[in-house]
N, C-alpha and C. Protein backbone atom coordinates (compact mmCIF):
# COMPACT_ATOMS: atom_id res chain seq x y z
N MET A 1 0.82 -1.19 0.00
CA MET A 1 0.00 0.00 0.00
C MET A 1 0.87 1.26 0.00
N ALA A 2 1.66 1.46 1.12
CA ALA A 2 2.44 2.70 1.18
C ALA A 2 3.61 2.53 2.12
N VAL A 3 4.71 3.17 1.75
CA VAL A 3 5.86 3.28 2.65
C VAL A 3 5.56 4.45 3.57
N ARG A 4 5.58 4.20 4.86
CA ARG A 4 5.24 5.22 5.84
C ARG A 4 6.50 5.70 6.55
N SER A 5 6.47 6.92 7.05
CA SER A 5 7.55 7.44 7.89
C SER A 5 7.56 6.64 9.19
N THR A 6 8.75 6.48 9.73
CA THR A 6 8.91 5.73 10.98
C THR A 6 9.16 6.71 12.11
N LEU A 7 8.33 6.64 13.15
CA LEU A 7 8.54 7.50 14.31
C LEU A 7 9.89 7.18 14.92
N GLN A 8 10.55 8.20 15.46
CA GLN A 8 11.89 8.04 15.99
C GLN A 8 11.93 8.20 17.51
N LEU A 9 12.92 7.56 18.11
CA LEU A 9 13.14 7.61 19.55
C LEU A 9 12.98 9.05 20.04
N GLY A 10 12.17 9.22 21.05
CA GLY A 10 11.85 10.54 21.59
C GLY A 10 10.42 10.95 21.28
N ASP A 11 9.83 10.37 20.23
CA ASP A 11 8.43 10.65 19.93
C ASP A 11 7.58 10.00 21.02
N PRO A 12 6.76 10.77 21.74
CA PRO A 12 5.99 10.20 22.85
C PRO A 12 5.02 9.10 22.44
N ALA A 13 4.60 9.07 21.19
CA ALA A 13 3.67 8.02 20.74
C ALA A 13 4.29 6.63 20.84
N LEU A 14 5.63 6.54 20.75
CA LEU A 14 6.30 5.24 20.86
C LEU A 14 6.23 4.66 22.27
N ARG A 15 5.89 5.49 23.25
CA ARG A 15 5.85 5.05 24.64
C ARG A 15 4.44 4.69 25.11
N LEU A 16 3.46 4.76 24.23
CA LEU A 16 2.08 4.46 24.60
C LEU A 16 1.74 3.02 24.25
N PRO A 17 1.02 2.31 25.13
CA PRO A 17 0.56 0.97 24.77
C PRO A 17 -0.43 1.05 23.61
N ALA A 18 -0.33 0.11 22.69
CA ALA A 18 -1.21 0.08 21.52
C ALA A 18 -2.54 -0.57 21.87
N ALA A 19 -3.56 -0.16 21.15
CA ALA A 19 -4.92 -0.68 21.37
C ALA A 19 -5.10 -2.03 20.69
N ASP A 20 -5.89 -2.90 21.32
CA ASP A 20 -6.25 -4.17 20.70
C ASP A 20 -7.01 -3.93 19.40
N VAL A 21 -6.84 -4.83 18.46
CA VAL A 21 -7.57 -4.80 17.20
C VAL A 21 -8.87 -5.57 17.41
N ALA A 22 -10.00 -4.91 17.25
CA ALA A 22 -11.30 -5.56 17.46
C ALA A 22 -11.70 -6.44 16.28
N GLU A 23 -11.31 -6.03 15.07
CA GLU A 23 -11.70 -6.76 13.87
C GLU A 23 -10.45 -7.11 13.05
N PRO A 24 -9.84 -8.26 13.32
CA PRO A 24 -8.62 -8.64 12.60
C PRO A 24 -8.77 -8.68 11.09
N GLY A 25 -9.95 -9.00 10.57
CA GLY A 25 -10.16 -9.10 9.13
C GLY A 25 -10.60 -7.81 8.47
N SER A 26 -10.58 -6.69 9.20
CA SER A 26 -11.08 -5.44 8.65
C SER A 26 -10.14 -4.86 7.59
N ALA A 27 -10.69 -3.98 6.76
CA ALA A 27 -9.90 -3.30 5.74
C ALA A 27 -8.81 -2.45 6.39
N ARG A 28 -9.14 -1.82 7.52
CA ARG A 28 -8.15 -0.99 8.23
C ARG A 28 -6.95 -1.82 8.68
N THR A 29 -7.22 -3.00 9.23
CA THR A 29 -6.14 -3.88 9.68
C THR A 29 -5.32 -4.36 8.49
N ALA A 30 -5.97 -4.71 7.39
CA ALA A 30 -5.25 -5.13 6.18
C ALA A 30 -4.38 -4.00 5.64
N GLU A 31 -4.88 -2.77 5.68
CA GLU A 31 -4.10 -1.62 5.22
C GLU A 31 -2.89 -1.40 6.12
N THR A 32 -3.09 -1.51 7.43
CA THR A 32 -1.97 -1.37 8.36
C THR A 32 -0.91 -2.44 8.08
N ALA A 33 -1.35 -3.69 7.90
CA ALA A 33 -0.41 -4.78 7.62
C ALA A 33 0.36 -4.53 6.33
N ALA A 34 -0.32 -4.07 5.30
CA ALA A 34 0.34 -3.79 4.01
C ALA A 34 1.33 -2.63 4.16
N ASP A 35 0.96 -1.59 4.89
CA ASP A 35 1.87 -0.47 5.10
C ASP A 35 3.10 -0.91 5.90
N LEU A 36 2.90 -1.76 6.89
CA LEU A 36 4.04 -2.28 7.66
C LEU A 36 4.97 -3.08 6.75
N ALA A 37 4.41 -3.94 5.90
CA ALA A 37 5.22 -4.75 4.98
C ALA A 37 5.99 -3.86 4.02
N ASP A 38 5.33 -2.86 3.45
CA ASP A 38 5.99 -1.96 2.51
C ASP A 38 7.09 -1.14 3.18
N THR A 39 6.80 -0.66 4.38
CA THR A 39 7.78 0.16 5.11
C THR A 39 9.00 -0.67 5.49
N LEU A 40 8.77 -1.90 5.96
CA LEU A 40 9.89 -2.78 6.30
C LEU A 40 10.72 -3.10 5.06
N ALA A 41 10.07 -3.42 3.95
CA ALA A 41 10.78 -3.73 2.71
C ALA A 41 11.63 -2.54 2.26
N ASP A 42 11.12 -1.34 2.44
CA ASP A 42 11.89 -0.14 2.09
C ASP A 42 13.14 -0.01 2.96
N TRP A 43 13.00 -0.25 4.27
CA TRP A 43 14.16 -0.19 5.16
C TRP A 43 15.21 -1.22 4.73
N VAL A 44 14.78 -2.44 4.45
CA VAL A 44 15.72 -3.49 4.05
C VAL A 44 16.41 -3.10 2.74
N ALA A 45 15.67 -2.59 1.79
CA ALA A 45 16.25 -2.20 0.50
C ALA A 45 17.27 -1.07 0.67
N ARG A 46 17.00 -0.12 1.54
CA ARG A 46 17.89 1.03 1.71
C ARG A 46 19.07 0.75 2.62
N THR A 47 18.89 -0.13 3.63
CA THR A 47 19.94 -0.28 4.65
C THR A 47 20.52 -1.68 4.77
N GLY A 48 19.80 -2.69 4.27
CA GLY A 48 20.22 -4.07 4.47
C GLY A 48 19.81 -4.61 5.83
N TYR A 49 19.11 -3.81 6.62
CA TYR A 49 18.67 -4.20 7.95
C TYR A 49 17.15 -4.13 8.03
N GLY A 50 16.59 -4.94 8.91
CA GLY A 50 15.16 -4.91 9.20
C GLY A 50 14.58 -6.29 9.10
N ARG A 51 13.98 -6.74 10.20
CA ARG A 51 13.33 -8.06 10.25
C ARG A 51 11.90 -7.95 10.73
N GLY A 52 11.54 -6.82 11.33
CA GLY A 52 10.20 -6.66 11.85
C GLY A 52 9.89 -5.20 12.11
N ILE A 53 8.59 -4.92 12.22
CA ILE A 53 8.12 -3.57 12.49
C ILE A 53 6.76 -3.66 13.17
N ALA A 54 6.48 -2.71 14.04
CA ALA A 54 5.22 -2.68 14.79
C ALA A 54 4.42 -1.45 14.39
N ALA A 55 3.09 -1.58 14.41
CA ALA A 55 2.21 -0.50 13.99
C ALA A 55 2.50 0.84 14.69
N PRO A 56 2.79 0.87 16.00
CA PRO A 56 3.09 2.17 16.61
C PRO A 56 4.28 2.89 15.96
N GLN A 57 5.19 2.15 15.35
CA GLN A 57 6.35 2.78 14.72
C GLN A 57 5.97 3.59 13.48
N ILE A 58 4.80 3.31 12.91
CA ILE A 58 4.33 4.12 11.78
C ILE A 58 3.16 5.00 12.20
N GLY A 59 3.00 5.17 13.50
CA GLY A 59 1.97 6.07 14.02
C GLY A 59 0.57 5.49 14.07
N VAL A 60 0.45 4.17 14.03
CA VAL A 60 -0.85 3.51 14.08
C VAL A 60 -1.03 2.87 15.45
N ASP A 61 -2.09 3.25 16.14
CA ASP A 61 -2.36 2.76 17.49
C ASP A 61 -3.10 1.43 17.42
N SER A 62 -2.38 0.37 17.03
CA SER A 62 -2.98 -0.96 16.91
C SER A 62 -1.94 -2.01 17.26
N ARG A 63 -2.40 -3.10 17.86
CA ARG A 63 -1.52 -4.22 18.21
C ARG A 63 -1.32 -5.11 16.98
N VAL A 64 -0.50 -4.62 16.05
CA VAL A 64 -0.18 -5.34 14.82
C VAL A 64 1.33 -5.26 14.62
N ILE A 65 1.94 -6.42 14.32
CA ILE A 65 3.35 -6.44 13.95
C ILE A 65 3.49 -7.21 12.64
N HIS A 66 4.54 -6.85 11.91
CA HIS A 66 4.85 -7.56 10.67
C HIS A 66 6.31 -8.00 10.75
N LEU A 67 6.54 -9.28 10.50
CA LEU A 67 7.88 -9.84 10.50
C LEU A 67 8.22 -10.32 9.11
N HIS A 68 9.52 -10.31 8.81
CA HIS A 68 9.96 -10.95 7.58
C HIS A 68 11.30 -11.62 7.85
N LEU A 69 11.23 -12.90 8.17
CA LEU A 69 12.45 -13.69 8.34
C LEU A 69 12.58 -14.56 7.09
N ASP A 70 12.10 -15.76 7.12
CA ASP A 70 12.11 -16.59 5.92
C ASP A 70 10.86 -16.38 5.07
N ARG A 71 9.88 -15.69 5.64
CA ARG A 71 8.63 -15.39 4.92
C ARG A 71 7.97 -14.19 5.59
N PRO A 72 7.09 -13.49 4.87
CA PRO A 72 6.34 -12.41 5.51
C PRO A 72 5.28 -12.98 6.44
N TRP A 73 5.05 -12.28 7.56
CA TRP A 73 4.16 -12.80 8.58
C TRP A 73 3.60 -11.65 9.41
N THR A 74 2.29 -11.50 9.43
CA THR A 74 1.63 -10.47 10.22
C THR A 74 0.93 -11.12 11.41
N LEU A 75 1.14 -10.55 12.59
CA LEU A 75 0.52 -11.03 13.83
C LEU A 75 -0.34 -9.92 14.40
N ILE A 76 -1.57 -10.24 14.73
CA ILE A 76 -2.52 -9.28 15.27
C ILE A 76 -2.77 -9.62 16.73
N ASN A 77 -2.77 -8.59 17.56
CA ASN A 77 -2.96 -8.74 19.01
C ASN A 77 -2.00 -9.76 19.64
N PRO A 78 -0.72 -9.75 19.24
CA PRO A 78 0.20 -10.71 19.86
C PRO A 78 0.47 -10.37 21.32
N ARG A 79 0.60 -11.40 22.11
CA ARG A 79 0.93 -11.24 23.53
C ARG A 79 1.87 -12.36 23.95
N ILE A 80 2.82 -12.00 24.78
CA ILE A 80 3.70 -13.01 25.37
C ILE A 80 2.96 -13.57 26.57
N THR A 81 2.76 -14.89 26.55
CA THR A 81 1.99 -15.55 27.61
C THR A 81 2.88 -16.37 28.54
N GLY A 82 4.14 -16.54 28.18
CA GLY A 82 5.09 -17.26 29.01
C GLY A 82 6.49 -16.98 28.51
N ARG A 83 7.45 -17.13 29.40
CA ARG A 83 8.84 -16.89 29.02
C ARG A 83 9.77 -17.67 29.92
N SER A 84 10.95 -17.96 29.38
CA SER A 84 11.94 -18.67 30.18
C SER A 84 12.50 -17.74 31.25
N THR A 85 13.01 -18.33 32.30
CA THR A 85 13.72 -17.53 33.30
C THR A 85 15.16 -17.32 32.86
N GLU A 86 15.64 -18.18 31.99
CA GLU A 86 16.99 -18.04 31.44
C GLU A 86 16.99 -16.92 30.40
N THR A 87 18.06 -16.12 30.39
CA THR A 87 18.15 -15.00 29.45
C THR A 87 19.42 -15.09 28.61
N TRP A 88 19.47 -14.29 27.56
CA TRP A 88 20.68 -14.13 26.75
C TRP A 88 20.78 -12.67 26.37
N GLU A 89 21.89 -12.27 25.77
CA GLU A 89 22.18 -10.86 25.53
C GLU A 89 22.56 -10.62 24.07
N PRO A 90 21.56 -10.64 23.18
CA PRO A 90 21.86 -10.40 21.76
C PRO A 90 22.05 -8.91 21.46
N TRP A 91 22.64 -8.63 20.31
CA TRP A 91 22.71 -7.26 19.79
C TRP A 91 21.33 -6.90 19.27
N ASP A 92 20.95 -5.64 19.46
CA ASP A 92 19.65 -5.17 18.99
C ASP A 92 19.80 -3.77 18.40
N ALA A 93 18.95 -3.49 17.45
CA ALA A 93 18.85 -2.15 16.85
C ALA A 93 17.38 -1.93 16.56
N CYS A 94 17.05 -0.80 15.99
CA CYS A 94 15.64 -0.50 15.79
C CYS A 94 15.47 0.50 14.66
N LEU A 95 14.42 0.29 13.88
CA LEU A 95 14.09 1.26 12.84
C LEU A 95 13.78 2.62 13.46
N SER A 96 13.30 2.63 14.69
CA SER A 96 13.00 3.88 15.39
C SER A 96 14.24 4.54 15.99
N PHE A 97 15.41 3.96 15.72
CA PHE A 97 16.70 4.63 16.01
C PHE A 97 17.35 4.96 14.67
N SER A 98 16.61 4.83 13.58
CA SER A 98 17.15 4.93 12.21
C SER A 98 18.36 4.03 12.03
N LEU A 99 18.40 2.95 12.81
CA LEU A 99 19.49 1.97 12.75
C LEU A 99 20.86 2.63 12.89
N GLN A 100 20.91 3.74 13.62
CA GLN A 100 22.17 4.46 13.80
C GLN A 100 23.03 3.87 14.91
N PHE A 101 22.39 3.18 15.86
CA PHE A 101 23.18 2.54 16.91
C PHE A 101 22.59 1.20 17.27
N PHE A 102 23.44 0.38 17.86
CA PHE A 102 23.08 -0.95 18.32
C PHE A 102 23.44 -1.03 19.80
N CYS A 103 22.84 -1.98 20.50
CA CYS A 103 23.18 -2.21 21.90
C CYS A 103 22.85 -3.65 22.24
N ARG A 104 23.46 -4.14 23.28
CA ARG A 104 23.12 -5.47 23.77
C ARG A 104 21.95 -5.33 24.72
N VAL A 105 21.01 -6.25 24.58
CA VAL A 105 19.80 -6.23 25.41
C VAL A 105 19.65 -7.57 26.12
N SER A 106 18.86 -7.59 27.15
CA SER A 106 18.54 -8.83 27.84
C SER A 106 17.19 -9.33 27.32
N ARG A 107 17.19 -10.59 26.87
CA ARG A 107 15.96 -11.21 26.37
C ARG A 107 15.83 -12.61 26.96
N ALA A 108 14.60 -13.06 27.13
CA ALA A 108 14.35 -14.44 27.54
C ALA A 108 14.82 -15.36 26.41
N THR A 109 15.31 -16.54 26.75
CA THR A 109 15.79 -17.46 25.70
C THR A 109 14.65 -18.03 24.88
N TRP A 110 13.45 -18.09 25.44
CA TRP A 110 12.27 -18.48 24.67
C TRP A 110 11.05 -17.75 25.22
N VAL A 111 10.05 -17.60 24.36
CA VAL A 111 8.77 -17.02 24.75
C VAL A 111 7.63 -17.81 24.13
N ASP A 112 6.51 -17.85 24.85
CA ASP A 112 5.26 -18.36 24.30
C ASP A 112 4.45 -17.15 23.87
N VAL A 113 3.92 -17.20 22.66
CA VAL A 113 3.18 -16.07 22.10
C VAL A 113 1.84 -16.56 21.58
N GLU A 114 0.80 -15.81 21.90
CA GLU A 114 -0.51 -16.04 21.32
C GLU A 114 -0.82 -14.84 20.43
N TYR A 115 -1.46 -15.10 19.29
CA TYR A 115 -1.81 -14.03 18.35
C TYR A 115 -2.97 -14.47 17.49
N VAL A 116 -3.48 -13.53 16.72
CA VAL A 116 -4.57 -13.79 15.78
C VAL A 116 -4.03 -13.49 14.38
N SER A 117 -4.39 -14.33 13.42
CA SER A 117 -4.02 -14.08 12.02
C SER A 117 -5.09 -13.21 11.37
N ALA A 118 -4.83 -12.75 10.16
CA ALA A 118 -5.76 -11.86 9.46
C ALA A 118 -7.11 -12.51 9.22
N ASP A 119 -7.15 -13.83 9.19
CA ASP A 119 -8.44 -14.52 8.98
C ASP A 119 -9.20 -14.72 10.30
N GLY A 120 -8.67 -14.16 11.39
CA GLY A 120 -9.35 -14.23 12.67
C GLY A 120 -9.07 -15.48 13.48
N GLU A 121 -8.18 -16.33 12.98
CA GLU A 121 -7.87 -17.57 13.68
C GLU A 121 -6.82 -17.33 14.78
N ARG A 122 -7.03 -17.95 15.92
CA ARG A 122 -6.08 -17.83 17.05
C ARG A 122 -4.96 -18.85 16.87
N HIS A 123 -3.75 -18.42 17.23
CA HIS A 123 -2.57 -19.27 17.13
C HIS A 123 -1.71 -19.10 18.37
N GLY A 124 -0.88 -20.07 18.62
CA GLY A 124 0.10 -19.99 19.68
C GLY A 124 1.38 -20.65 19.23
N LEU A 125 2.49 -20.18 19.76
CA LEU A 125 3.77 -20.78 19.41
C LEU A 125 4.77 -20.53 20.52
N ARG A 126 5.79 -21.37 20.55
CA ARG A 126 6.96 -21.16 21.40
C ARG A 126 8.10 -20.80 20.46
N ALA A 127 8.76 -19.69 20.74
CA ALA A 127 9.83 -19.21 19.87
C ALA A 127 11.10 -18.98 20.66
N ASP A 128 12.22 -19.39 20.08
CA ASP A 128 13.52 -19.12 20.68
C ASP A 128 14.44 -18.54 19.61
N GLY A 129 15.70 -18.36 19.94
CA GLY A 129 16.67 -17.84 18.98
C GLY A 129 16.25 -16.51 18.38
N ASP A 130 16.57 -16.31 17.09
CA ASP A 130 16.28 -15.05 16.42
C ASP A 130 14.80 -14.71 16.44
N LEU A 131 13.94 -15.70 16.20
CA LEU A 131 12.50 -15.43 16.21
C LEU A 131 12.02 -15.02 17.59
N GLY A 132 12.47 -15.70 18.62
CA GLY A 132 12.09 -15.35 19.98
C GLY A 132 12.52 -13.94 20.34
N GLU A 133 13.75 -13.60 19.97
CA GLU A 133 14.26 -12.25 20.24
C GLU A 133 13.45 -11.21 19.48
N LEU A 134 13.18 -11.48 18.21
CA LEU A 134 12.44 -10.52 17.39
C LEU A 134 11.01 -10.32 17.90
N LEU A 135 10.35 -11.40 18.27
CA LEU A 135 9.00 -11.26 18.82
C LEU A 135 9.01 -10.42 20.10
N GLN A 136 10.00 -10.63 20.96
CA GLN A 136 10.08 -9.82 22.18
C GLN A 136 10.26 -8.35 21.84
N HIS A 137 11.13 -8.06 20.86
CA HIS A 137 11.39 -6.68 20.44
C HIS A 137 10.11 -6.02 19.93
N GLU A 138 9.43 -6.69 18.99
CA GLU A 138 8.25 -6.09 18.37
C GLU A 138 7.07 -6.00 19.33
N ILE A 139 6.85 -7.01 20.15
CA ILE A 139 5.75 -6.95 21.13
C ILE A 139 6.04 -5.89 22.18
N ASP A 140 7.31 -5.69 22.53
CA ASP A 140 7.66 -4.57 23.41
C ASP A 140 7.16 -3.25 22.83
N HIS A 141 7.33 -3.05 21.51
CA HIS A 141 6.84 -1.81 20.89
C HIS A 141 5.34 -1.62 21.14
N LEU A 142 4.59 -2.71 21.12
CA LEU A 142 3.14 -2.62 21.34
C LEU A 142 2.81 -2.22 22.77
N ASP A 143 3.77 -2.41 23.67
CA ASP A 143 3.59 -2.08 25.08
C ASP A 143 4.31 -0.79 25.47
N GLY A 144 4.82 -0.05 24.48
CA GLY A 144 5.49 1.22 24.75
C GLY A 144 6.91 1.07 25.28
N ILE A 145 7.53 -0.07 25.04
CA ILE A 145 8.88 -0.35 25.54
C ILE A 145 9.84 -0.35 24.35
N MET A 146 10.97 0.31 24.51
CA MET A 146 11.98 0.39 23.45
C MET A 146 13.19 -0.47 23.81
N ALA A 147 13.96 -0.84 22.81
CA ALA A 147 15.14 -1.68 23.03
C ALA A 147 16.09 -1.06 24.04
N VAL A 148 16.22 0.27 24.05
CA VAL A 148 17.13 0.90 25.02
C VAL A 148 16.69 0.64 26.45
N ASP A 149 15.40 0.36 26.66
CA ASP A 149 14.91 0.03 28.00
C ASP A 149 15.40 -1.34 28.45
N ARG A 150 15.77 -2.18 27.51
CA ARG A 150 16.25 -3.54 27.80
C ARG A 150 17.77 -3.63 27.72
N MET A 151 18.44 -2.52 27.46
CA MET A 151 19.89 -2.51 27.31
C MET A 151 20.56 -2.97 28.61
N ILE A 152 21.54 -3.87 28.47
CA ILE A 152 22.19 -4.39 29.67
C ILE A 152 23.14 -3.38 30.29
N SER A 153 23.70 -2.47 29.48
CA SER A 153 24.62 -1.45 29.99
C SER A 153 24.82 -0.40 28.91
N PRO A 154 24.90 0.87 29.30
CA PRO A 154 25.21 1.90 28.30
C PRO A 154 26.56 1.66 27.61
N SER A 155 27.44 0.90 28.25
CA SER A 155 28.74 0.63 27.63
C SER A 155 28.62 -0.24 26.38
N THR A 156 27.44 -0.84 26.16
CA THR A 156 27.26 -1.65 24.96
C THR A 156 26.78 -0.83 23.76
N LEU A 157 26.43 0.43 23.97
CA LEU A 157 26.01 1.27 22.84
C LEU A 157 27.11 1.32 21.79
N CYS A 158 26.73 1.15 20.55
CA CYS A 158 27.70 1.06 19.48
C CYS A 158 27.10 1.68 18.22
N MET A 159 27.79 2.62 17.62
CA MET A 159 27.32 3.20 16.36
C MET A 159 27.33 2.11 15.28
N ARG A 160 26.47 2.26 14.30
CA ARG A 160 26.34 1.21 13.28
C ARG A 160 27.66 0.92 12.58
N SER A 161 28.44 1.92 12.28
CA SER A 161 29.72 1.68 11.59
C SER A 161 30.65 0.82 12.44
N GLU A 162 30.69 1.05 13.74
CA GLU A 162 31.51 0.24 14.63
C GLU A 162 30.93 -1.15 14.81
N PHE A 163 29.60 -1.24 14.91
CA PHE A 163 28.94 -2.53 15.00
C PHE A 163 29.30 -3.38 13.78
N GLU A 164 29.23 -2.79 12.60
CA GLU A 164 29.53 -3.55 11.38
C GLU A 164 30.98 -4.02 11.35
N LYS A 165 31.89 -3.21 11.85
CA LYS A 165 33.31 -3.61 11.89
C LYS A 165 33.59 -4.69 12.93
N ARG A 166 32.95 -4.59 14.09
CA ARG A 166 33.34 -5.40 15.23
C ARG A 166 32.38 -6.53 15.61
N HIS A 167 31.08 -6.39 15.32
CA HIS A 167 30.11 -7.32 15.90
C HIS A 167 29.09 -7.90 14.95
N ARG A 168 29.11 -7.51 13.70
CA ARG A 168 28.03 -7.95 12.80
C ARG A 168 27.94 -9.47 12.70
N ASP A 169 29.07 -10.16 12.77
CA ASP A 169 29.02 -11.62 12.65
C ASP A 169 28.35 -12.29 13.86
N GLU A 170 28.10 -11.53 14.94
CA GLU A 170 27.40 -12.05 16.12
C GLU A 170 25.89 -11.78 16.04
N SER A 171 25.44 -11.22 14.93
CA SER A 171 24.06 -10.77 14.82
C SER A 171 23.30 -11.61 13.80
N PRO A 172 21.99 -11.41 13.71
CA PRO A 172 21.22 -12.12 12.68
C PRO A 172 21.40 -11.51 11.29
N TYR A 173 22.34 -10.56 11.14
CA TYR A 173 22.61 -9.92 9.87
C TYR A 173 24.02 -10.24 9.39
N PRO A 174 24.28 -11.48 9.02
CA PRO A 174 25.63 -11.79 8.55
C PRO A 174 25.94 -11.01 7.27
N GLN A 175 27.22 -10.72 7.10
CA GLN A 175 27.63 -9.94 5.91
C GLN A 175 27.57 -10.76 4.66
């Protein structure tokens, strides 16, 4: 549908919890999902980075996220319903930081997620690794939480140029 501007860190709208979607199959929800897909594809084409995006990042107050790992995937009203007590510390960045810096964050090693698909069907899954980390990142956006809130230490902040030189091989973005 459309490539949308991405709200940036400091915009107060990024800190607000998103509203539940009452009608997953509505035209409005389909338009939001298409805009998220187009906006994410634009980021990937321009920067080589981007695996997911949440509706609040494009100024839409809805619990919708769009992921693109091995395939495009839209989740409506996703919620984390369980998580491991064990954690790990992956590198993270965000389209709402214009991918200018990266930091290490604390994430659960796995999460249980419930969501609704566009056809209104309920689903559940257990996710670990890159998918588990990405779901935590995007669902955090729906709750007004940013990656910097999960940062393990300010000493891990790293500009993208330094990240690419020193740490990219430790990330889900191999060169």
